[in-house]
C-alpha atoms as a PDB file:
ATOM      1  CA  MET A   1       8.565 -22.549  24.219  1.00  0.00           C
ATOM      2  CA  THR A   2      11.738 -23.870  22.917  1.00  0.00           C
ATOM      3  CA  GLY A   3      15.349 -23.383  24.191  1.00  0.00           C
ATOM      4  CA  ASP A   4      15.948 -20.597  21.715  1.00  0.00           C
ATOM      5  CA  GLY A   5      12.904 -18.456  23.341  1.00  0.00           C
ATOM      6  CA  LEU A   6      10.722 -18.872  20.217  1.00  0.00           C
ATOM      7  CA  GLU A   7       7.340 -20.412  20.312  1.00  0.00           C
ATOM      8  CA  VAL A   8       5.630 -21.647  17.024  1.00  0.00           C
ATOM      9  CA  ASP A   9       2.106 -22.758  16.554  1.00  0.00           C
ATOM     10  CA  VAL A  10       0.627 -24.086  13.178  1.00  0.00           C
ATOM     11  CA  ARG A  11      -3.027 -24.646  12.767  1.00  0.00           C
ATOM     12  CA  GLU A  12      -5.342 -25.054   9.661  1.00  0.00           C
ATOM     13  CA  GLN A  13      -8.198 -22.660   9.531  1.00  0.00           C
ATOM     14  CA  SER A  14     -10.666 -23.021   6.552  1.00  0.00           C
ATOM     15  CA  GLY A  15      -7.985 -24.337   4.146  1.00  0.00           C
ATOM     16  CA  VAL A  16      -5.488 -21.773   5.286  1.00  0.00           C
ATOM     17  CA  LEU A  17      -2.407 -22.197   7.403  1.00  0.00           C
ATOM     18  CA  VAL A  18      -2.386 -19.958  10.449  1.00  0.00           C
ATOM     19  CA  VAL A  19       1.087 -19.630  12.102  1.00  0.00           C
ATOM     20  CA  ARG A  20       1.296 -18.015  15.459  1.00  0.00           C
ATOM     21  CA  PHE A  21       4.795 -16.852  16.815  1.00  0.00           C
ATOM     22  CA  GLY A  22       5.386 -16.115  20.297  1.00  0.00           C
ATOM     23  CA  GLY A  23       8.628 -15.315  22.410  1.00  0.00           C
ATOM     24  CA  ARG A  24      11.749 -13.431  20.880  1.00  0.00           C
ATOM     25  CA  LEU A  25      12.724 -12.784  17.420  1.00  0.00           C
ATOM     26  CA  ASP A  26      16.313 -12.210  17.574  1.00  0.00           C
ATOM     27  CA  TRP A  27      19.417 -12.835  15.361  1.00  0.00           C
ATOM     28  CA  MET A  28      19.545 -16.368  16.891  1.00  0.00           C
ATOM     29  CA  THR A  29      15.565 -17.220  16.107  1.00  0.00           C
ATOM     30  CA  TYR A  30      15.794 -15.364  12.625  1.00  0.00           C
ATOM     31  CA  MET A  31      16.516 -18.518  10.789  1.00  0.00           C
ATOM     32  CA  ARG A  32      14.071 -20.693  12.234  1.00  0.00           C
ATOM     33  CA  VAL A  33      11.149 -18.219  11.556  1.00  0.00           C
ATOM     34  CA  GLN A  34      12.097 -18.159   8.084  1.00  0.00           C
ATOM     35  CA  ASP A  35      12.473 -21.966   7.776  1.00  0.00           C
ATOM     36  CA  VAL A  36       8.971 -22.387   9.499  1.00  0.00           C
ATOM     37  CA  LEU A  37       7.363 -19.868   7.196  1.00  0.00           C
ATOM     38  CA  LEU A  38       8.989 -21.370   3.883  1.00  0.00           C
ATOM     39  CA  ASP A  39       7.862 -24.653   4.902  1.00  0.00           C
ATOM     40  CA  CYS A  40       4.371 -23.540   5.377  1.00  0.00           C
ATOM     41  CA  ALA A  41       4.419 -21.585   2.135  1.00  0.00           C
ATOM     42  CA  THR A  42       5.469 -24.576   0.009  1.00  0.00           C
ATOM     43  CA  THR A  43       3.312 -26.972   2.019  1.00  0.00           C
ATOM     44  CA  GLU A  44       0.732 -24.582   0.416  1.00  0.00           C
ATOM     45  CA  LEU A  45      -2.732 -25.103   1.157  1.00  0.00           C
ATOM     46  CA  VAL A  46      -4.370 -22.011  -0.155  1.00  0.00           C
ATOM     47  CA  GLY A  47      -2.601 -19.233   1.835  1.00  0.00           C
ATOM     48  CA  VAL A  48      -0.413 -18.613   4.898  1.00  0.00           C
ATOM     49  CA  VAL A  49      -1.678 -16.218   7.696  1.00  0.00           C
ATOM     50  CA  VAL A  50       0.916 -15.020  10.293  1.00  0.00           C
ATOM     51  CA  GLU A  51      -0.146 -13.863  13.886  1.00  0.00           C
ATOM     52  CA  LEU A  52       2.317 -11.560  15.328  1.00  0.00           C
ATOM     53  CA  ASP A  53       0.919 -10.281  18.373  1.00  0.00           C
ATOM     54  CA  ASP A  54       2.976 -12.506  20.623  1.00  0.00           C
ATOM     55  CA  LEU A  55       6.152 -11.900  18.886  1.00  0.00           C
ATOM     56  CA  VAL A  56       8.720  -9.493  20.368  1.00  0.00           C
ATOM     57  CA  ALA A  57      11.290  -8.433  17.824  1.00  0.00           C
ATOM     58  CA  GLU A  58      14.670  -7.517  19.273  1.00  0.00           C
ATOM     59  CA  SER A  59      15.099  -5.043  16.393  1.00  0.00           C
ATOM     60  CA  PRO A  60      12.604  -3.888  13.810  1.00  0.00           C
ATOM     61  CA  ALA A  61      14.915  -4.555  11.152  1.00  0.00           C
ATOM     62  CA  LEU A  62      14.485  -8.343  12.053  1.00  0.00           C
ATOM     63  CA  LEU A  63      11.122  -8.221  10.597  1.00  0.00           C
ATOM     64  CA  VAL A  64      12.438  -8.117   7.139  1.00  0.00           C
ATOM     65  CA  VAL A  65      12.225 -12.086   7.380  1.00  0.00           C
ATOM     66  CA  PHE A  66       8.686 -11.957   6.497  1.00  0.00           C
ATOM     67  CA  ASP A  67       9.390  -9.754   3.190  1.00  0.00           C
ATOM     68  CA  VAL A  68      12.079 -12.388   2.374  1.00  0.00           C
ATOM     69  CA  VAL A  69       9.594 -15.187   2.616  1.00  0.00           C
ATOM     70  CA  TRP A  70       7.003 -13.274   0.946  1.00  0.00           C
ATOM     71  CA  LEU A  71       8.958 -12.513  -2.241  1.00  0.00           C
ATOM     72  CA  SER A  72       9.842 -16.330  -2.375  1.00  0.00           C
ATOM     73  CA  ALA A  73       6.198 -17.340  -1.989  1.00  0.00           C
ATOM     74  CA  VAL A  74       4.790 -14.895  -4.497  1.00  0.00           C
ATOM     75  CA  ARG A  75       7.108 -16.063  -7.087  1.00  0.00           C
ATOM     76  CA  TRP A  76       6.429 -19.876  -6.599  1.00  0.00           C
ATOM     77  CA  PRO A  77       4.268 -21.220  -5.757  1.00  0.00           C
ATOM     78  CA  GLY A  78       2.437 -17.867  -5.929  1.00  0.00           C
ATOM     79  CA  ILE A  79       0.356 -18.125  -2.731  1.00  0.00           C
ATOM     80  CA  SER A  80      -1.114 -15.471  -0.541  1.00  0.00           C
ATOM     81  CA  MET A  81       0.510 -14.504   2.669  1.00  0.00           C
ATOM     82  CA  SER A  82      -0.677 -11.884   5.216  1.00  0.00           C
ATOM     83  CA  ILE A  83       0.067 -10.921   8.849  1.00  0.00           C
ATOM     84  CA  VAL A  84      -2.228 -10.195  11.810  1.00  0.00           C
ATOM     85  CA  VAL A  85      -1.252  -7.559  14.083  1.00  0.00           C
ATOM     86  CA  SER A  86      -4.234  -6.383  16.566  1.00  0.00           C
ATOM     87  CA  ASP A  87      -1.953  -4.736  19.104  1.00  0.00           C
ATOM     88  CA  HIS A  88      -2.127  -1.015  18.132  1.00  0.00           C
ATOM     89  CA  GLN A  89       1.474   0.029  19.494  1.00  0.00           C
ATOM     90  CA  LEU A  90       3.127  -2.745  17.396  1.00  0.00           C
ATOM     91  CA  ARG A  91       1.023  -1.746  14.193  1.00  0.00           C
ATOM     92  CA  SER A  92       2.055   1.798  14.662  1.00  0.00           C
ATOM     93  CA  THR A  93       5.654   0.723  14.821  1.00  0.00           C
ATOM     94  CA  LEU A  94       5.459  -1.516  11.924  1.00  0.00           C
ATOM     95  CA  GLU A  95       3.628   1.485   9.700  1.00  0.00           C
ATOM     96  CA  SER A  96       6.160   4.079  10.797  1.00  0.00           C
ATOM     97  CA  ARG A  97       9.096   1.951   9.747  1.00  0.00           C
ATOM     98  CA  GLY A  98       7.279   0.646   6.662  1.00  0.00           C
ATOM     99  CA  LEU A  99       7.818  -2.956   7.800  1.00  0.00           C
ATOM    100  CA  PRO A 100       6.951  -5.620   6.519  1.00  0.00           C
ATOM    101  CA  ARG A 101       7.154  -3.831   3.146  1.00  0.00           C
ATOM    102  CA  HIS A 102       4.946  -6.032   1.113  1.00  0.00           C
ATOM    103  CA  ILE A 103       2.723  -8.225   2.832  1.00  0.00           C
ATOM    104  CA  PRO A 104      -0.892  -7.305   3.632  1.00  0.00           C
ATOM    105  CA  MET A 105      -1.562  -6.532   7.202  1.00  0.00           C
ATOM    106  CA  HIS A 106      -4.878  -7.229   8.984  1.00  0.00           C
ATOM    107  CA  ALA A 107      -6.230  -6.570  12.403  1.00  0.00           C
ATOM    108  CA  THR A 108      -7.830 -10.039  12.857  1.00  0.00           C
ATOM    109  CA  THR A 109      -7.007 -13.492  11.938  1.00  0.00           C
ATOM    110  CA  ALA A 110     -10.767 -13.784  10.588  1.00  0.00           C
ATOM    111  CA  ALA A 111     -10.181 -10.812   8.443  1.00  0.00           C
ATOM    112  CA  ALA A 112      -6.915 -12.362   7.007  1.00  0.00           C
ATOM    113  CA  VAL A 113      -8.381 -15.783   6.193  1.00  0.00           C
ATOM    114  CA  ALA A 114     -11.332 -14.214   4.373  1.00  0.00           C
ATOM    115  CA  SER A 115      -8.968 -12.150   2.320  1.00  0.00           C
ATOM    116  CA  VAL A 116      -7.372 -15.319   0.744  1.00  0.00           C
ATOM    117  CA  VAL A 117      -8.171 -16.130  -2.769  1.00  0.00           C
ATOM    118  CA  ARG A 118      -9.438 -19.639  -3.205  1.00  0.00           C
ATOM    119  CA  LEU A 119      -8.319 -21.854  -5.696  1.00  0.00           C
ATOM    120  CA  GLU A 120     -10.026 -25.328  -6.575  1.00  0.00           C
ATOM    121  CA  HIS A 121      -8.098 -28.647  -5.746  1.00  0.00           C
ATOM    122  CA  GLU A 122      -7.984 -29.481  -9.366  1.00  0.00           C
ATOM    123  CA  ASP A 123      -5.159 -26.546  -9.892  1.00  0.00           C
ATOM    124  CA  ARG A 124      -2.469 -28.537  -8.322  1.00  0.00           C
ATOM    125  CA  VAL A 125      -0.862 -31.877  -8.496  1.00  0.00           C
ATOM    126  CA  ASP A 126       1.760 -33.125  -5.835  1.00  0.00           C
ATOM    127  CA  ALA A 127       3.451 -36.343  -6.761  1.00  0.00           C
ATOM    128  CA  ALA A 128       6.133 -38.426  -5.178  1.00  0.00           C
ATOM    129  CA  LEU A 129       8.419 -39.800  -8.166  1.00  0.00           C
ATOM    130  CA  PRO A 130       9.900 -43.276  -8.164  1.00  0.00           C
ATOM    131  CA  THR A 131      13.751 -43.687  -7.326  1.00  0.00           C
ATOM    132  CA  CYS A 132      14.401 -45.681 -10.775  1.00  0.00           C
ATOM    133  CA  ARG A 133      15.307 -45.093 -14.438  1.00  0.00           C
ATOM    134  CA  CYS A 134      11.767 -44.534 -15.278  1.00  0.00           C
ATOM    135  CA  LEU A 135      11.274 -41.542 -13.325  1.00  0.00           C
ATOM    136  CA  PRO A 136      11.469 -38.906 -16.439  1.00  0.00           C
ATOM    137  CA  HIS A 137       8.757 -41.096 -18.063  1.00  0.00           C
ATOM    138  CA  VAL A 138       6.543 -41.060 -14.910  1.00  0.00           C
ATOM    139  CA  ALA A 139       7.138 -37.155 -14.609  1.00  0.00           C
ATOM    140  CA  GLU A 140       6.093 -36.806 -18.156  1.00  0.00           C
ATOM    141  CA  ARG A 141       3.089 -38.911 -18.110  1.00  0.00           C
ATOM    142  CA  ILE A 142       1.777 -37.183 -14.895  1.00  0.00           C
ATOM    143  CA  THR A 143       2.120 -33.770 -16.308  1.00  0.00           C
ATOM    144  CA  GLU A 144       0.505 -34.802 -19.568  1.00  0.00           C
ATOM    145  CA  ARG A 145      -2.507 -35.955 -17.470  1.00  0.00           C
ATOM    146  CA  ALA A 146      -2.648 -32.760 -15.882  1.00  0.00           C
ATOM    147  CA  CYS A 147      -2.432 -30.541 -18.905  1.00  0.00           C
ATOM    148  CA  GLU A 148      -5.307 -32.939 -20.177  1.00  0.00           C
ATOM    149  CA  ARG A 149      -7.450 -32.575 -16.979  1.00  0.00           C
ATOM    150  CA  TRP A 150      -6.749 -28.692 -16.915  1.00  0.00           C
ATOM    151  CA  GLY A 151      -7.723 -28.175 -20.619  1.00  0.00           C
ATOM    152  CA  VAL A 152      -4.326 -26.548 -21.623  1.00  0.00           C
ATOM    153  CA  GLN A 153      -3.866 -28.377 -24.867  1.00  0.00           C
ATOM    154  CA  SER A 154      -1.262 -25.842 -26.014  1.00  0.00           C
ATOM    155  CA  MET A 155       0.804 -26.945 -23.103  1.00  0.00           C
ATOM    156  CA  LEU A 156       0.905 -30.639 -24.121  1.00  0.00           C
ATOM    157  CA  ASP A 157       3.982 -30.495 -26.226  1.00  0.00           C
ATOM    158  CA  VAL A 158       5.809 -28.231 -23.670  1.00  0.00           C
ATOM    159  CA  ALA A 159       5.020 -28.834 -20.008  1.00  0.00           C
ATOM    160  CA  PRO A 160       5.705 -32.639 -19.955  1.00  0.00           C
ATOM    161  CA  GLN A 161       9.021 -32.106 -21.753  1.00  0.00           C
ATOM    162  CA  VAL A 162      10.013 -29.289 -19.177  1.00  0.00           C
ATOM    163  CA  ALA A 163       9.140 -31.783 -16.527  1.00  0.00           C
ATOM    164  CA  VAL A 164      11.507 -34.007 -18.109  1.00  0.00           C
ATOM    165  CA  GLU A 165      14.069 -31.693 -18.251  1.00  0.00           C
ATOM    166  CA  LEU A 166      13.786 -30.639 -14.463  1.00  0.00           C
ATOM    167  CA  VAL A 167      13.912 -34.124 -13.060  1.00  0.00           C
ATOM    168  CA  SER A 168      16.642 -35.123 -15.275  1.00  0.00           C
ATOM    169  CA  HIS A 169      19.042 -32.624 -13.935  1.00  0.00           C
ATOM    170  CA  VAL A 170      18.282 -33.312 -10.326  1.00  0.00           C
ATOM    171  CA  GLU A 171      20.492 -35.984  -8.723  1.00  0.00           C
ATOM    172  CA  ASP A 172      18.994 -36.660  -5.272  1.00  0.00           C
ATOM    173  CA  ASP A 173      19.223 -39.959  -3.316  1.00  0.00           C
ATOM    174  CA  SER A 174      16.092 -39.151  -1.454  1.00  0.00           C
ATOM    175  CA  THR A 175      12.484 -39.111  -3.336  1.00  0.00           C
ATOM    176  CA  LEU A 176      11.800 -36.274  -5.462  1.00  0.00           C
ATOM    177  CA  ALA A 177       8.290 -34.643  -5.729  1.00  0.00           C
ATOM    178  CA  LEU A 178       6.683 -33.044  -8.877  1.00  0.00           C
ATOM    179  CA  LEU A 179       4.609 -30.180  -8.185  1.00  0.00           C
ATOM    180  CA  LEU A 180       2.266 -28.875 -11.019  1.00  0.00           C
ATOM    181  CA  ARG A 181       0.169 -25.740 -10.425  1.00  0.00           C
ATOM    182  CA  MET A 182      -2.397 -24.180 -12.959  1.00  0.00           C
ATOM    183  CA  ARG A 183      -3.376 -20.395 -11.938  1.00  0.00           C
ATOM    184  CA  ASP A 184      -5.123 -18.441 -14.402  1.00  0.00           C
ATOM    185  CA  ASP A 185      -2.767 -18.177 -17.408  1.00  0.00           C
ATOM    186  CA  LYS A 186       0.126 -19.418 -15.618  1.00  0.00           C
ATOM    187  CA  LEU A 187       1.396 -23.276 -15.507  1.00  0.00           C
ATOM    188  CA  SER A 188       4.172 -24.166 -13.007  1.00  0.00           C
ATOM    189  CA  VAL A 189       6.352 -27.261 -13.261  1.00  0.00           C
ATOM    190  CA  ALA A 190       8.377 -27.906 -10.269  1.00  0.00           C
ATOM    191  CA  VAL A 191      10.544 -30.510  -8.341  1.00  0.00           C
ATOM    192  CA  ARG A 192      11.102 -30.420  -4.799  1.00  0.00           C
ATOM    193  CA  THR A 193      14.413 -31.800  -3.807  1.00  0.00           C
ATOM    194  CA  THR A 194      17.379 -31.590  -1.439  1.00  0.00           C
ATOM    195  CA  ALA A 195      19.796 -31.335  -4.005  1.00  0.00           C
ATOM    196  CA  ARG A 196      21.429 -28.086  -5.227  1.00  0.00           C
ATOM    197  CA  LEU A 197      22.407 -27.170  -8.760  1.00  0.00           C
ATOM    198  CA  ASN A 198      25.573 -25.401  -9.796  1.00  0.00           C
ATOM    199  CA  LEU A 199      25.745 -22.543 -12.154  1.00  0.00           C
ATOM    200  CA  LYS A 200      26.737 -24.892 -15.028  1.00  0.00           C
ATOM    201  CA  GLN A 201      23.602 -27.046 -14.549  1.00  0.00           C
ATOM    202  CA  TRP A 202      21.522 -24.387 -14.162  1.00  0.00           C
ATOM    203  CA  HIS A 203      22.787 -22.859 -17.607  1.00  0.00           C
ATOM    204  CA  VAL A 204      22.133 -25.931 -19.472  1.00  0.00           C
ATOM    205  CA  MET A 205      18.844 -26.549 -17.987  1.00  0.00           C
ATOM    206  CA  ARG A 206      17.750 -23.062 -18.919  1.00  0.00           C
ATOM    207  CA  HIS A 207      19.199 -23.358 -22.267  1.00  0.00           C
ATOM    208  CA  ASN A 208      17.251 -26.727 -22.714  1.00  0.00           C
ATOM    209  CA  VAL A 209      13.690 -25.275 -21.438  1.00  0.00           C
ATOM    210  CA  ALA A 210      14.318 -22.265 -23.555  1.00  0.00           C
ATOM    211  CA  SER A 211      14.576 -24.579 -26.627  1.00  0.00           C
ATOM    212  CA  ILE A 212      11.370 -26.373 -25.715  1.00  0.00           C
ATOM    213  CA  ALA A 213       9.168 -23.573 -24.407  1.00  0.00           C
ATOM    214  CA  VAL A 214       7.130 -21.775 -27.199  1.00  0.00           C
ATOM    215  CA  CYS A 215       5.719 -19.467 -24.840  1.00  0.00           C
ATOM    216  CA  ASN A 216       7.187 -16.918 -22.230  1.00  0.00           C
ATOM    217  CA  PHE A 217       8.534 -18.508 -19.063  1.00  0.00           C
ATOM    218  CA  SER A 218      10.693 -17.751 -16.035  1.00  0.00           C
ATOM    219  CA  MET A 219      12.531 -20.009 -13.887  1.00  0.00           C
ATOM    220  CA  GLY A 220      13.767 -19.977 -10.375  1.00  0.00           C
ATOM    221  CA  GLU A 221      14.521 -21.702  -6.970  1.00  0.00           C
ATOM    222  CA  THR A 222      12.484 -21.226  -3.788  1.00  0.00           C
ATOM    223  CA  PRO A 223      13.786 -22.292  -0.448  1.00  0.00           C
ATOM    224  CA  ALA A 224      11.361 -24.895   1.115  1.00  0.00           C
ATOM    225  CA  GLY A 225      12.888 -25.283   4.536  1.00  0.00           C
ATOM    226  CA  GLY A 226      14.388 -28.238   6.256  1.00  0.00           C
ATOM    227  CA  GLY A 227      17.185 -28.267   3.491  1.00  0.00           C
ATOM    228  CA  ARG A 228      14.900 -28.579   0.671  1.00  0.00           C
ATOM    229  CA  HIS A 229      14.356 -26.407  -2.377  1.00  0.00           C
ATOM    230  CA  ILE A 230      11.694 -26.164  -5.141  1.00  0.00           C
ATOM    231  CA  ILE A 231      13.363 -25.759  -8.638  1.00  0.00           C
ATOM    232  CA  TRP A 232      10.616 -24.423 -10.885  1.00  0.00           C
ATOM    233  CA  ALA A 233       9.530 -23.416 -14.467  1.00  0.00           C
ATOM    234  CA  LEU A 234       6.488 -20.918 -14.790  1.00  0.00           C
ATOM    235  CA  LEU A 235       5.068 -21.143 -18.354  1.00  0.00           C
ATOM    236  CA  ASP A 236       2.582 -18.614 -19.880  1.00  0.00           C
ATOM    237  CA  VAL A 237      -0.438 -20.202 -21.190  1.00  0.00           C
ATOM    238  CA  PRO A 238      -1.804 -18.441 -24.386  1.00  0.00           C
ATOM    239  CA  GLU A 239      -5.269 -17.061 -24.316  1.00  0.00           C
ATOM    240  CA  ASP A 240      -6.375 -19.418 -27.306  1.00  0.00           C
ATOM    241  CA  GLY A 241      -4.614 -22.315 -25.896  1.00  0.00           C
ATOM    242  CA  ARG A 242      -7.376 -23.399 -23.348  1.00  0.00           C
ATOM    243  CA  ARG A 243     -10.625 -25.571 -23.825  1.00  0.00           C
ATOM    244  CA  PRO A 244     -12.852 -27.273 -21.564  1.00  0.00           C
ATOM    245  CA  PRO A 245     -11.026 -29.661 -19.223  1.00  0.00           C
ATOM    246  CA  SER A 246     -11.355 -33.277 -19.977  1.00  0.00           C
ATOM    247  CA  TYR A 247     -12.174 -35.160 -16.512  1.00  0.00           C
ATOM    248  CA  LEU A 248     -10.112 -38.307 -16.528  1.00  0.00           C
ATOM    249  CA  PRO A 249     -11.349 -40.885 -14.030  1.00  0.00           C
ATOM    250  CA  GLU A 250      -7.709 -41.649 -13.172  1.00  0.00           C
ATOM    251  CA  ALA A 251      -6.513 -38.270 -12.755  1.00  0.00           C
ATOM    252  CA  ALA A 252      -7.570 -38.201  -9.075  1.00  0.00           C
ATOM    253  CA  VAL A 253      -4.603 -40.411  -8.539  1.00  0.00           C
ATOM    254  CA  PHE A 254      -2.215 -37.606  -9.113  1.00  0.00           C
ATOM    255  CA  THR A 255      -4.169 -34.650  -7.950  1.00  0.00           C
ATOM    256  CA  HIS A 256      -3.833 -33.527  -4.264  1.00  0.00           C
ATOM    257  CA  GLN A 257      -7.226 -33.046  -2.600  1.00  0.00           C
ATOM    258  CA  GLY A 258      -7.067 -29.965  -0.352  1.00  0.00           C
END
């Protein structure tokens, strides 16, 4: 238990992050709960399960924090998030007030973990980028390799250039991370950074990505906890733009092994 009266325990269970909150959820601990969950969501194994039985909310309205994080997580990176409430009285209170509004609720942790959709490790790339002028070239090359590995031939002229565009607009003294995700018919290109973009930079970057993308796309920013942010572009992969993936020996260097 910390000085703010909030207890947090994070563990991994079958590739899923299980977060147990204990103590009080009040207006002082609200932001800490949000930061912990955002950090877990963007750490992103295959899902996040939140245990709430030991958490006492000062006001039911504070439970909206789980909806706030869920809305960010389902947009990017698109992971599963659910809550576990075995206490019947707490569960009844939540359901009567419609909180949380969006997140699936389970009676046991085992049921919540079992409900998580599993993804193969080949579906994600996490790569630290060098702090030098070659950074855009490295980002482009890593993205090309990922597209080849995942068999999305139609994205080879799009995704690498989007990666270049993203890293070129971020001015950060700390190390940037390039994050690539391939899920169903969606390919996302993202950068994790402590830098923030102003409205003019966002406008220019969106305009440039629109001129590159020959497919439907969306862009956004997801808080990642600890003052970090994920700047992302989500690209639709055409149905006829897939072919069997080519397994390159060196691809494992760039691929996170979950």
